Amino acid sequence: MQDLARQFDVAILSSPVAHQELNPIEMVWATIKGALRPEYVDLSMSRLQDLVDQEFKHITAEAWCRYEDHAINMEDYYRGLQEVAAQIEEELDAGELKEGDWLFRGSDESEEGSEDESEWDEKEDSD
């Protein structure tokens, strides 16, 4: 598949297997399992298969699109976090941030309206 994608200059993004936010099929299975939950008592394998087949028929193309959109949005969110982490690492390496900056303050040290936090807000406002 990778070779075929390269021929057409297409990038393939692989999501972690069974990741509930990045794989739309995991969201579909969660929906089906939720619908079948009341039926879980004393099911035979054939009865379970029949119920799963019925539930799959209830999942519309619109629902599939919502699951796919959600997965794409989550991918974008995680990529954004990677970019922020890379920026912070660059600023740390360049000496622009230090351990005492508010980003690295533990929850027991950070107080609402603290002097350092106010100073950071002022920096952001001036940018």
Foldseek 3Di string as FASTA:
>chain_A
DVVVCVVVVHDDDDDPPLDCQQDLVNVLVVVLCVVCVVVPPDDDPVRSVVSSVVSVVVQDPVNSVVSNVRNVVVVVVVVVVVVVVVVVVVCVVVVVDDCPQPVNDDPVPDDPPDPRVVVVVVVVVVD
